[in-house]
Amino acid sequence: MIKNLFFFCSVKSHYNNVALLLFRVIVSGALIYGHGYGKFMRLLDGNVWGRTHLFFSEEVTFAMVHIEDPFTKMEKGVLFLTSFITIFLMGPGKISLDHHISKKIN
């Protein structure tokens, strides 16, 4: 009975690590495809919006979320912010590069 309980706990931990890996990969892929690649290419071409916000430069304005927009326009940004806060709070898990690097260093 106790042996089965320990096996279940270790498998559950493995599922959590796999779920964190899938979550990180899916969120980062969606961010790259949906937002990052096009903006990055425009930034490399020097095609940054020609406007500034308050005292920020064009590059900072380019990256800011506009709070006055309706929620339907900000929805993706809020979802990505929530996703990355979740990743920050949960940590990378055991299936990550930094886990393997820190294991080798120690």
PDB file of N, CA and C in Angstrom:
ATOM      1  N   MET A   1       0.824  -1.203   0.000  1.00  0.00           N
ATOM      2  CA  MET A   1       0.000   0.000   0.000  1.00  0.00           C
ATOM      3  C   MET A   1       0.860   1.256   0.000  1.00  0.00           C
ATOM      4  N   ILE A   2       1.812   1.328   0.922  1.00  0.00           N
ATOM      5  CA  ILE A   2       2.671   2.512   1.013  1.00  0.00           C
ATOM      6  C   ILE A   2       3.558   2.619  -0.226  1.00  0.00           C
ATOM      7  N   LYS A   3       4.033   1.471  -0.724  1.00  0.00           N
ATOM      8  CA  LYS A   3       4.855   1.484  -1.936  1.00  0.00           C
ATOM      9  C   LYS A   3       4.074   2.073  -3.116  1.00  0.00           C
ATOM     10  N   ASN A   4       2.814   1.705  -3.258  1.00  0.00           N
ATOM     11  CA  ASN A   4       1.978   2.251  -4.327  1.00  0.00           C
ATOM     12  C   ASN A   4       1.753   3.745  -4.154  1.00  0.00           C
ATOM     13  N   LEU A   5       1.637   4.195  -2.902  1.00  0.00           N
ATOM     14  CA  LEU A   5       1.439   5.618  -2.631  1.00  0.00           C
ATOM     15  C   LEU A   5       2.657   6.426  -3.066  1.00  0.00           C
ATOM     16  N   PHE A   6       3.870   5.932  -2.770  1.00  0.00           N
ATOM     17  CA  PHE A   6       5.082   6.636  -3.181  1.00  0.00           C
ATOM     18  C   PHE A   6       5.212   6.666  -4.700  1.00  0.00           C
ATOM     19  N   PHE A   7       4.852   5.561  -5.349  1.00  0.00           N
ATOM     20  CA  PHE A   7       4.898   5.524  -6.807  1.00  0.00           C
ATOM     21  C   PHE A   7       3.942   6.554  -7.400  1.00  0.00           C
ATOM     22  N   PHE A   8       2.746   6.662  -6.838  1.00  0.00           N
ATOM     23  CA  PHE A   8       1.774   7.628  -7.332  1.00  0.00           C
ATOM     24  C   PHE A   8       2.278   9.057  -7.161  1.00  0.00           C
ATOM     25  N   CYS A   9       2.917   9.348  -6.034  1.00  0.00           N
ATOM     26  CA  CYS A   9       3.440  10.705  -5.800  1.00  0.00           C
ATOM     27  C   CYS A   9       4.555  11.040  -6.771  1.00  0.00           C
ATOM     28  N   SER A  10       5.432  10.084  -7.063  1.00  0.00           N
ATOM     29  CA  SER A  10       6.528  10.370  -7.980  1.00  0.00           C
ATOM     30  C   SER A  10       6.016  10.545  -9.404  1.00  0.00           C
ATOM     31  N   VAL A  11       5.012   9.768  -9.792  1.00  0.00           N
ATOM     32  CA  VAL A  11       4.433   9.915 -11.130  1.00  0.00           C
ATOM     33  C   VAL A  11       3.714  11.255 -11.235  1.00  0.00           C
ATOM     34  N   LYS A  12       3.002  11.641 -10.198  1.00  0.00           N
ATOM     35  CA  LYS A  12       2.301  12.917 -10.209  1.00  0.00           C
ATOM     36  C   LYS A  12       3.290  14.068 -10.366  1.00  0.00           C
ATOM     37  N   SER A  13       4.435  13.986  -9.688  1.00  0.00           N
ATOM     38  CA  SER A  13       5.458  15.016  -9.817  1.00  0.00           C
ATOM     39  C   SER A  13       5.976  15.069 -11.248  1.00  0.00           C
ATOM     40  N   HIS A  14       6.150  13.903 -11.862  1.00  0.00           N
ATOM     41  CA  HIS A  14       6.609  13.859 -13.249  1.00  0.00           C
ATOM     42  C   HIS A  14       5.577  14.488 -14.182  1.00  0.00           C
ATOM     43  N   TYR A  15       4.296  14.221 -13.941  1.00  0.00           N
ATOM     44  CA  TYR A  15       3.254  14.831 -14.753  1.00  0.00           C
ATOM     45  C   TYR A  15       3.268  16.355 -14.613  1.00  0.00           C
ATOM     46  N   ASN A  16       3.507  16.844 -13.419  1.00  0.00           N
ATOM     47  CA  ASN A  16       3.587  18.296 -13.217  1.00  0.00           C
ATOM     48  C   ASN A  16       4.734  18.895 -14.013  1.00  0.00           C
ATOM     49  N   ASN A  17       5.878  18.221 -14.020  1.00  0.00           N
ATOM     50  CA  ASN A  17       7.026  18.729 -14.771  1.00  0.00           C
ATOM     51  C   ASN A  17       6.770  18.697 -16.276  1.00  0.00           C
ATOM     52  N   VAL A  18       6.124  17.647 -16.754  1.00  0.00           N
ATOM     53  CA  VAL A  18       5.779  17.567 -18.180  1.00  0.00           C
ATOM     54  C   VAL A  18       4.755  18.643 -18.537  1.00  0.00           C
ATOM     55  N   ALA A  19       3.785  18.860 -17.654  1.00  0.00           N
ATOM     56  CA  ALA A  19       2.777  19.896 -17.903  1.00  0.00           C
ATOM     57  C   ALA A  19       3.421  21.282 -17.949  1.00  0.00           C
ATOM     58  N   LEU A  20       4.372  21.552 -17.049  1.00  0.00           N
ATOM     59  CA  LEU A  20       5.075  22.839 -17.085  1.00  0.00           C
ATOM     60  C   LEU A  20       5.863  23.001 -18.371  1.00  0.00           C
ATOM     61  N   LEU A  21       6.508  21.940 -18.825  1.00  0.00           N
ATOM     62  CA  LEU A  21       7.255  21.998 -20.087  1.00  0.00           C
ATOM     63  C   LEU A  21       6.321  22.299 -21.254  1.00  0.00           C
ATOM     64  N   LEU A  22       5.217  21.579 -21.357  1.00  0.00           N
ATOM     65  CA  LEU A  22       4.265  21.820 -22.444  1.00  0.00           C
ATOM     66  C   LEU A  22       3.688  23.224 -22.385  1.00  0.00           C
ATOM     67  N   PHE A  23       3.376  23.694 -21.188  1.00  0.00           N
ATOM     68  CA  PHE A  23       2.834  25.039 -21.027  1.00  0.00           C
ATOM     69  C   PHE A  23       3.840  26.085 -21.500  1.00  0.00           C
ATOM     70  N   ARG A  24       5.112  25.933 -21.100  1.00  0.00           N
ATOM     71  CA  ARG A  24       6.147  26.889 -21.522  1.00  0.00           C
ATOM     72  C   ARG A  24       6.331  26.880 -23.032  1.00  0.00           C
ATOM     73  N   VAL A  25       6.367  25.701 -23.626  1.00  0.00           N
ATOM     74  CA  VAL A  25       6.593  25.591 -25.072  1.00  0.00           C
ATOM     75  C   VAL A  25       5.415  26.171 -25.854  1.00  0.00           C
ATOM     76  N   ILE A  26       4.204  25.857 -25.444  1.00  0.00           N
ATOM     77  CA  ILE A  26       3.022  26.341 -26.169  1.00  0.00           C
ATOM     78  C   ILE A  26       2.879  27.855 -26.039  1.00  0.00           C
ATOM     79  N   VAL A  27       3.056  28.378 -24.842  1.00  0.00           N
ATOM     80  CA  VAL A  27       2.925  29.827 -24.641  1.00  0.00           C
ATOM     81  C   VAL A  27       4.014  30.577 -25.399  1.00  0.00           C
ATOM     82  N   SER A  28       5.249  30.098 -25.329  1.00  0.00           N
ATOM     83  CA  SER A  28       6.320  30.806 -26.040  1.00  0.00           C
ATOM     84  C   SER A  28       6.145  30.703 -27.550  1.00  0.00           C
ATOM     85  N   GLY A  29       5.695  29.560 -28.048  1.00  0.00           N
ATOM     86  CA  GLY A  29       5.434  29.441 -29.487  1.00  0.00           C
ATOM     87  C   GLY A  29       4.328  30.370 -29.948  1.00  0.00           C
ATOM     88  N   ALA A  30       3.268  30.465 -29.154  1.00  0.00           N
ATOM     89  CA  ALA A  30       2.169  31.375 -29.498  1.00  0.00           C
ATOM     90  C   ALA A  30       2.637  32.826 -29.458  1.00  0.00           C
ATOM     91  N   LEU A  31       3.472  33.148 -28.501  1.00  0.00           N
ATOM     92  CA  LEU A  31       3.975  34.522 -28.399  1.00  0.00           C
ATOM     93  C   LEU A  31       4.882  34.865 -29.573  1.00  0.00           C
ATOM     94  N   ILE A  32       5.747  33.942 -29.936  1.00  0.00           N
ATOM     95  CA  ILE A  32       6.643  34.198 -31.068  1.00  0.00           C
ATOM     96  C   ILE A  32       5.842  34.337 -32.359  1.00  0.00           C
ATOM     97  N   TYR A  33       4.940  33.396 -32.604  1.00  0.00           N
ATOM     98  CA  TYR A  33       4.176  33.395 -33.847  1.00  0.00           C
ATOM     99  C   TYR A  33       3.192  34.565 -33.918  1.00  0.00           C
ATOM    100  N   GLY A  34       2.489  34.814 -32.842  1.00  0.00           N
ATOM    101  CA  GLY A  34       1.419  35.804 -32.859  1.00  0.00           C
ATOM    102  C   GLY A  34       1.871  37.239 -32.690  1.00  0.00           C
ATOM    103  N   HIS A  35       2.963  37.441 -31.986  1.00  0.00           N
ATOM    104  CA  HIS A  35       3.353  38.815 -31.678  1.00  0.00           C
ATOM    105  C   HIS A  35       4.811  39.127 -31.979  1.00  0.00           C
ATOM    106  N   GLY A  36       5.682  38.269 -31.568  1.00  0.00           N
ATOM    107  CA  GLY A  36       7.098  38.599 -31.543  1.00  0.00           C
ATOM    108  C   GLY A  36       7.790  38.683 -32.875  1.00  0.00           C
ATOM    109  N   TYR A  37       7.558  37.740 -33.756  1.00  0.00           N
ATOM    110  CA  TYR A  37       8.341  37.671 -34.983  1.00  0.00           C
ATOM    111  C   TYR A  37       8.130  38.898 -35.870  1.00  0.00           C
ATOM    112  N   GLY A  38       6.894  39.258 -36.107  1.00  0.00           N
ATOM    113  CA  GLY A  38       6.623  40.424 -36.958  1.00  0.00           C
ATOM    114  C   GLY A  38       7.158  41.715 -36.371  1.00  0.00           C
ATOM    115  N   LYS A  39       6.980  41.903 -35.071  1.00  0.00           N
ATOM    116  CA  LYS A  39       7.487  43.115 -34.422  1.00  0.00           C
ATOM    117  C   LYS A  39       9.007  43.133 -34.418  1.00  0.00           C
ATOM    118  N   PHE A  40       9.612  41.987 -34.197  1.00  0.00           N
ATOM    119  CA  PHE A  40      11.071  41.916 -34.203  1.00  0.00           C
ATOM    120  C   PHE A  40      11.631  42.242 -35.575  1.00  0.00           C
ATOM    121  N   MET A  41      10.994  41.735 -36.629  1.00  0.00           N
ATOM    122  CA  MET A  41      11.467  42.021 -37.979  1.00  0.00           C
ATOM    123  C   MET A  41      11.295  43.507 -38.321  1.00  0.00           C
ATOM    124  N   ARG A  42      10.171  44.110 -37.892  1.00  0.00           N
ATOM    125  CA  ARG A  42       9.995  45.548 -38.113  1.00  0.00           C
ATOM    126  C   ARG A  42      11.029  46.352 -37.353  1.00  0.00           C
ATOM    127  N   LEU A  43      11.362  45.907 -36.144  1.00  0.00           N
ATOM    128  CA  LEU A  43      12.367  46.610 -35.345  1.00  0.00           C
ATOM    129  C   LEU A  43      13.735  46.513 -36.000  1.00  0.00           C
ATOM    130  N   LEU A  44      14.077  45.352 -36.554  1.00  0.00           N
ATOM    131  CA  LEU A  44      15.361  45.198 -37.245  1.00  0.00           C
ATOM    132  C   LEU A  44      15.422  46.038 -38.511  1.00  0.00           C
ATOM    133  N   ASP A  45      14.277  46.196 -39.181  1.00  0.00           N
ATOM    134  CA  ASP A  45      14.234  47.022 -40.385  1.00  0.00           C
ATOM    135  C   ASP A  45      14.228  48.513 -40.065  1.00  0.00           C
ATOM    136  N   GLY A  46      14.091  48.852 -38.792  1.00  0.00           N
ATOM    137  CA  GLY A  46      14.022  50.259 -38.395  1.00  0.00           C
ATOM    138  C   GLY A  46      12.645  50.850 -38.574  1.00  0.00           C
ATOM    139  N   ASN A  47      11.657  50.026 -38.806  1.00  0.00           N
ATOM    140  CA  ASN A  47      10.293  50.483 -39.021  1.00  0.00           C
ATOM    141  C   ASN A  47       9.534  50.499 -37.690  1.00  0.00           C
ATOM    142  N   VAL A  48       9.984  51.355 -36.799  1.00  0.00           N
ATOM    143  CA  VAL A  48       9.336  51.496 -35.499  1.00  0.00           C
ATOM    144  C   VAL A  48       8.286  52.577 -35.643  1.00  0.00           C
ATOM    145  N   TRP A  49       7.188  52.414 -34.924  1.00  0.00           N
ATOM    146  CA  TRP A  49       6.146  53.429 -34.984  1.00  0.00           C
ATOM    147  C   TRP A  49       6.762  54.798 -34.781  1.00  0.00           C
ATOM    148  N   GLY A  50       6.259  55.783 -35.451  1.00  0.00           N
ATOM    149  CA  GLY A  50       6.815  57.118 -35.374  1.00  0.00           C
ATOM    150  C   GLY A  50       6.249  57.963 -34.256  1.00  0.00           C
ATOM    151  N   ARG A  51       5.749  57.371 -33.214  1.00  0.00           N
ATOM    152  CA  ARG A  51       5.172  58.159 -32.137  1.00  0.00           C
ATOM    153  C   ARG A  51       5.767  57.736 -30.799  1.00  0.00           C
ATOM    154  N   THR A  52       5.711  58.654 -29.878  1.00  0.00           N
ATOM    155  CA  THR A  52       6.203  58.372 -28.532  1.00  0.00           C
ATOM    156  C   THR A  52       5.065  58.557 -27.547  1.00  0.00           C
ATOM    157  N   HIS A  53       5.248  58.030 -26.365  1.00  0.00           N
ATOM    158  CA  HIS A  53       4.243  58.128 -25.319  1.00  0.00           C
ATOM    159  C   HIS A  53       4.906  58.761 -24.109  1.00  0.00           C
ATOM    160  N   LEU A  54       4.376  59.884 -23.677  1.00  0.00           N
ATOM    161  CA  LEU A  54       4.960  60.655 -22.576  1.00  0.00           C
ATOM    162  C   LEU A  54       6.418  60.950 -22.886  1.00  0.00           C
ATOM    163  N   PHE A  55       7.328  60.513 -22.041  1.00  0.00           N
ATOM    164  CA  PHE A  55       8.747  60.792 -22.254  1.00  0.00           C
ATOM    165  C   PHE A  55       9.513  59.552 -22.718  1.00  0.00           C
ATOM    166  N   PHE A  56       8.800  58.462 -23.046  1.00  0.00           N
ATOM    167  CA  PHE A  56       9.457  57.227 -23.464  1.00  0.00           C
ATOM    168  C   PHE A  56       9.901  57.319 -24.919  1.00  0.00           C
ATOM    169  N   SER A  57      10.934  56.572 -25.255  1.00  0.00           N
ATOM    170  CA  SER A  57      11.413  56.534 -26.632  1.00  0.00           C
ATOM    171  C   SER A  57      10.443  55.722 -27.502  1.00  0.00           C
ATOM    172  N   GLU A  58      10.694  55.733 -28.817  1.00  0.00           N
ATOM    173  CA  GLU A  58       9.829  54.990 -29.729  1.00  0.00           C
ATOM    174  C   GLU A  58       9.893  53.489 -29.456  1.00  0.00           C
ATOM    175  N   GLU A  59      11.087  52.980 -29.109  1.00  0.00           N
ATOM    176  CA  GLU A  59      11.234  51.553 -28.848  1.00  0.00           C
ATOM    177  C   GLU A  59      10.439  51.127 -27.614  1.00  0.00           C
ATOM    178  N   VAL A  60      10.458  51.945 -26.567  1.00  0.00           N
ATOM    179  CA  VAL A  60       9.712  51.614 -25.358  1.00  0.00           C
ATOM    180  C   VAL A  60       8.210  51.717 -25.636  1.00  0.00           C
ATOM    181  N   THR A  61       7.807  52.731 -26.368  1.00  0.00           N
ATOM    182  CA  THR A  61       6.402  52.883 -26.726  1.00  0.00           C
ATOM    183  C   THR A  61       5.936  51.700 -27.565  1.00  0.00           C
ATOM    184  N   PHE A  62       6.806  51.210 -28.429  1.00  0.00           N
ATOM    185  CA  PHE A  62       6.501  50.064 -29.284  1.00  0.00           C
ATOM    186  C   PHE A  62       6.157  48.828 -28.453  1.00  0.00           C
ATOM    187  N   ALA A  63       6.762  48.689 -27.271  1.00  0.00           N
ATOM    188  CA  ALA A  63       6.584  47.498 -26.441  1.00  0.00           C
ATOM    189  C   ALA A  63       5.504  47.652 -25.373  1.00  0.00           C
ATOM    190  N   MET A  64       4.949  48.823 -25.199  1.00  0.00           N
ATOM    191  CA  MET A  64       3.998  49.051 -24.108  1.00  0.00           C
ATOM    192  C   MET A  64       2.598  48.535 -24.445  1.00  0.00           C
ATOM    193  N   VAL A  65       1.849  48.094 -23.400  1.00  0.00           N
ATOM    194  CA  VAL A  65       0.442  47.719 -23.529  1.00  0.00           C
ATOM    195  C   VAL A  65      -0.365  48.978 -23.324  1.00  0.00           C
ATOM    196  N   HIS A  66      -1.342  49.263 -24.221  1.00  0.00           N
ATOM    197  CA  HIS A  66      -2.152  50.472 -24.134  1.00  0.00           C
ATOM    198  C   HIS A  66      -3.336  50.216 -23.227  1.00  0.00           C
ATOM    199  N   ILE A  67      -3.337  50.872 -22.086  1.00  0.00           N
ATOM    200  CA  ILE A  67      -4.343  50.631 -21.065  1.00  0.00           C
ATOM    201  C   ILE A  67      -5.708  51.219 -21.463  1.00  0.00           C
ATOM    202  N   GLU A  68      -5.727  52.193 -22.356  1.00  0.00           N
ATOM    203  CA  GLU A  68      -7.001  52.805 -22.740  1.00  0.00           C
ATOM    204  C   GLU A  68      -7.763  52.007 -23.790  1.00  0.00           C
ATOM    205  N   ASP A  69      -7.137  50.973 -24.345  1.00  0.00           N
ATOM    206  CA  ASP A  69      -7.808  50.132 -25.335  1.00  0.00           C
ATOM    207  C   ASP A  69      -8.882  49.274 -24.668  1.00  0.00           C
ATOM    208  N   PRO A  70      -9.902  48.863 -25.423  1.00  0.00           N
ATOM    209  CA  PRO A  70     -10.913  47.959 -24.845  1.00  0.00           C
ATOM    210  C   PRO A  70     -10.299  46.595 -24.546  1.00  0.00           C
ATOM    211  N   PHE A  71     -10.945  45.860 -23.637  1.00  0.00           N
ATOM    212  CA  PHE A  71     -10.392  44.573 -23.197  1.00  0.00           C
ATOM    213  C   PHE A  71     -10.238  43.588 -24.348  1.00  0.00           C
ATOM    214  N   THR A  72     -11.122  43.629 -25.329  1.00  0.00           N
ATOM    215  CA  THR A  72     -11.015  42.687 -26.443  1.00  0.00           C
ATOM    216  C   THR A  72      -9.727  42.885 -27.228  1.00  0.00           C
ATOM    217  N   LYS A  73      -9.219  44.104 -27.251  1.00  0.00           N
ATOM    218  CA  LYS A  73      -7.958  44.373 -27.938  1.00  0.00           C
ATOM    219  C   LYS A  73      -6.762  43.992 -27.060  1.00  0.00           C
ATOM    220  N   MET A  74      -6.927  44.048 -25.746  1.00  0.00           N
ATOM    221  CA  MET A  74      -5.834  43.739 -24.819  1.00  0.00           C
ATOM    222  C   MET A  74      -5.841  42.282 -24.379  1.00  0.00           C
ATOM    223  N   GLU A  75      -6.806  41.507 -24.794  1.00  0.00           N
ATOM    224  CA  GLU A  75      -7.004  40.162 -24.265  1.00  0.00           C
ATOM    225  C   GLU A  75      -5.770  39.279 -24.424  1.00  0.00           C
ATOM    226  N   LYS A  76      -5.160  39.273 -25.597  1.00  0.00           N
ATOM    227  CA  LYS A  76      -3.965  38.449 -25.811  1.00  0.00           C
ATOM    228  C   LYS A  76      -2.832  38.866 -24.888  1.00  0.00           C
ATOM    229  N   GLY A  77      -2.624  40.153 -24.757  1.00  0.00           N
ATOM    230  CA  GLY A  77      -1.569  40.637 -23.879  1.00  0.00           C
ATOM    231  C   GLY A  77      -1.789  40.249 -22.428  1.00  0.00           C
ATOM    232  N   VAL A  78      -3.023  40.333 -21.978  1.00  0.00           N
ATOM    233  CA  VAL A  78      -3.352  39.947 -20.604  1.00  0.00           C
ATOM    234  C   VAL A  78      -3.150  38.443 -20.420  1.00  0.00           C
ATOM    235  N   LEU A  79      -3.524  37.651 -21.418  1.00  0.00           N
ATOM    236  CA  LEU A  79      -3.319  36.202 -21.327  1.00  0.00           C
ATOM    237  C   LEU A  79      -1.833  35.853 -21.283  1.00  0.00           C
ATOM    238  N   PHE A  80      -1.024  36.527 -22.104  1.00  0.00           N
ATOM    239  CA  PHE A  80       0.408  36.271 -22.068  1.00  0.00           C
ATOM    240  C   PHE A  80       1.017  36.722 -20.747  1.00  0.00           C
ATOM    241  N   LEU A  81       0.594  37.869 -20.233  1.00  0.00           N
ATOM    242  CA  LEU A  81       1.096  38.338 -18.947  1.00  0.00           C
ATOM    243  C   LEU A  81       0.754  37.344 -17.844  1.00  0.00           C
ATOM    244  N   THR A  82      -0.473  36.866 -17.828  1.00  0.00           N
ATOM    245  CA  THR A  82      -0.891  35.878 -16.836  1.00  0.00           C
ATOM    246  C   THR A  82      -0.097  34.582 -16.984  1.00  0.00           C
ATOM    247  N   SER A  83       0.136  34.164 -18.214  1.00  0.00           N
ATOM    248  CA  SER A  83       0.902  32.936 -18.452  1.00  0.00           C
ATOM    249  C   SER A  83       2.324  33.066 -17.935  1.00  0.00           C
ATOM    250  N   PHE A  84       2.968  34.186 -18.215  1.00  0.00           N
ATOM    251  CA  PHE A  84       4.350  34.339 -17.778  1.00  0.00           C
ATOM    252  C   PHE A  84       4.467  34.570 -16.277  1.00  0.00           C
ATOM    253  N   ILE A  85       3.484  35.185 -15.665  1.00  0.00           N
ATOM    254  CA  ILE A  85       3.479  35.277 -14.205  1.00  0.00           C
ATOM    255  C   ILE A  85       3.329  33.884 -13.603  1.00  0.00           C
ATOM    256  N   THR A  86       2.488  33.046 -14.209  1.00  0.00           N
ATOM    257  CA  THR A  86       2.333  31.664 -13.750  1.00  0.00           C
ATOM    258  C   THR A  86       3.635  30.896 -13.885  1.00  0.00           C
ATOM    259  N   ILE A  87       4.319  31.041 -15.008  1.00  0.00           N
ATOM    260  CA  ILE A  87       5.606  30.369 -15.200  1.00  0.00           C
ATOM    261  C   ILE A  87       6.617  30.878 -14.180  1.00  0.00           C
ATOM    262  N   PHE A  88       6.627  32.168 -13.911  1.00  0.00           N
ATOM    263  CA  PHE A  88       7.538  32.739 -12.927  1.00  0.00           C
ATOM    264  C   PHE A  88       7.279  32.169 -11.540  1.00  0.00           C
ATOM    265  N   LEU A  89       6.015  32.070 -11.157  1.00  0.00           N
ATOM    266  CA  LEU A  89       5.677  31.583  -9.828  1.00  0.00           C
ATOM    267  C   LEU A  89       5.868  30.070  -9.687  1.00  0.00           C
ATOM    268  N   MET A  90       5.568  29.310 -10.733  1.00  0.00           N
ATOM    269  CA  MET A  90       5.692  27.853 -10.663  1.00  0.00           C
ATOM    270  C   MET A  90       7.136  27.387 -10.841  1.00  0.00           C
ATOM    271  N   GLY A  91       7.943  28.175 -11.511  1.00  0.00           N
ATOM    272  CA  GLY A  91       9.305  27.759 -11.797  1.00  0.00           C
ATOM    273  C   GLY A  91       9.352  26.902 -13.048  1.00  0.00           C
ATOM    274  N   PRO A  92      10.537  26.595 -13.518  1.00  0.00           N
ATOM    275  CA  PRO A  92      10.660  25.868 -14.775  1.00  0.00           C
ATOM    276  C   PRO A  92      10.384  24.380 -14.674  1.00  0.00           C
ATOM    277  N   GLY A  93      10.481  23.809 -13.497  1.00  0.00           N
ATOM    278  CA  GLY A  93      10.312  22.362 -13.361  1.00  0.00           C
ATOM    279  C   GLY A  93      11.622  21.645 -13.616  1.00  0.00           C
ATOM    280  N   LYS A  94      11.581  20.341 -13.508  1.00  0.00           N
ATOM    281  CA  LYS A  94      12.807  19.547 -13.660  1.00  0.00           C
ATOM    282  C   LYS A  94      13.155  19.271 -15.112  1.00  0.00           C
ATOM    283  N   ILE A  95      12.215  19.481 -16.019  1.00  0.00           N
ATOM    284  CA  ILE A  95      12.495  19.263 -17.438  1.00  0.00           C
ATOM    285  C   ILE A  95      12.764  20.626 -18.072  1.00  0.00           C
ATOM    286  N   SER A  96      13.955  21.155 -17.797  1.00  0.00           N
ATOM    287  CA  SER A  96      14.333  22.464 -18.328  1.00  0.00           C
ATOM    288  C   SER A  96      15.846  22.544 -18.423  1.00  0.00           C
ATOM    289  N   LEU A  97      16.324  23.443 -19.258  1.00  0.00           N
ATOM    290  CA  LEU A  97      17.764  23.612 -19.414  1.00  0.00           C
ATOM    291  C   LEU A  97      18.413  24.128 -18.136  1.00  0.00           C
ATOM    292  N   ASP A  98      17.797  25.104 -17.495  1.00  0.00           N
ATOM    293  CA  ASP A  98      18.435  25.662 -16.306  1.00  0.00           C
ATOM    294  C   ASP A  98      18.505  24.658 -15.165  1.00  0.00           C
ATOM    295  N   HIS A  99      17.563  23.726 -15.090  1.00  0.00           N
ATOM    296  CA  HIS A  99      17.639  22.676 -14.067  1.00  0.00           C
ATOM    297  C   HIS A  99      18.847  21.781 -14.319  1.00  0.00           C
ATOM    298  N   HIS A 100      19.060  21.395 -15.577  1.00  0.00           N
ATOM    299  CA  HIS A 100      20.200  20.536 -15.907  1.00  0.00           C
ATOM    300  C   HIS A 100      21.524  21.275 -15.766  1.00  0.00           C
ATOM    301  N   ILE A 101      21.565  22.552 -16.118  1.00  0.00           N
ATOM    302  CA  ILE A 101      22.781  23.344 -15.961  1.00  0.00           C
ATOM    303  C   ILE A 101      23.118  23.521 -14.489  1.00  0.00           C
ATOM    304  N   SER A 102      22.124  23.860 -13.678  1.00  0.00           N
ATOM    305  CA  SER A 102      22.405  24.052 -12.246  1.00  0.00           C
ATOM    306  C   SER A 102      22.799  22.727 -11.584  1.00  0.00           C
ATOM    307  N   LYS A 103      22.268  21.608 -12.078  1.00  0.00           N
ATOM    308  CA  LYS A 103      22.665  20.299 -11.545  1.00  0.00           C
ATOM    309  C   LYS A 103      24.127  20.007 -11.862  1.00  0.00           C
ATOM    310  N   LYS A 104      24.582  20.388 -13.053  1.00  0.00           N
ATOM    311  CA  LYS A 104      25.985  20.166 -13.426  1.00  0.00           C
ATOM    312  C   LYS A 104      26.911  21.093 -12.663  1.00  0.00           C
ATOM    313  N   ILE A 105      26.475  22.317 -12.402  1.00  0.00           N
ATOM    314  CA  ILE A 105      27.317  23.271 -11.675  1.00  0.00           C
ATOM    315  C   ILE A 105      27.493  22.832 -10.230  1.00  0.00           C
ATOM    316  N   ASN A 106      26.429  22.361  -9.624  1.00  0.00           N
ATOM    317  CA  ASN A 106      26.512  21.923  -8.232  1.00  0.00           C
ATOM    318  C   ASN A 106      27.115  20.547  -8.175  1.00  0.00           C
TER     319      ASN A 106
END
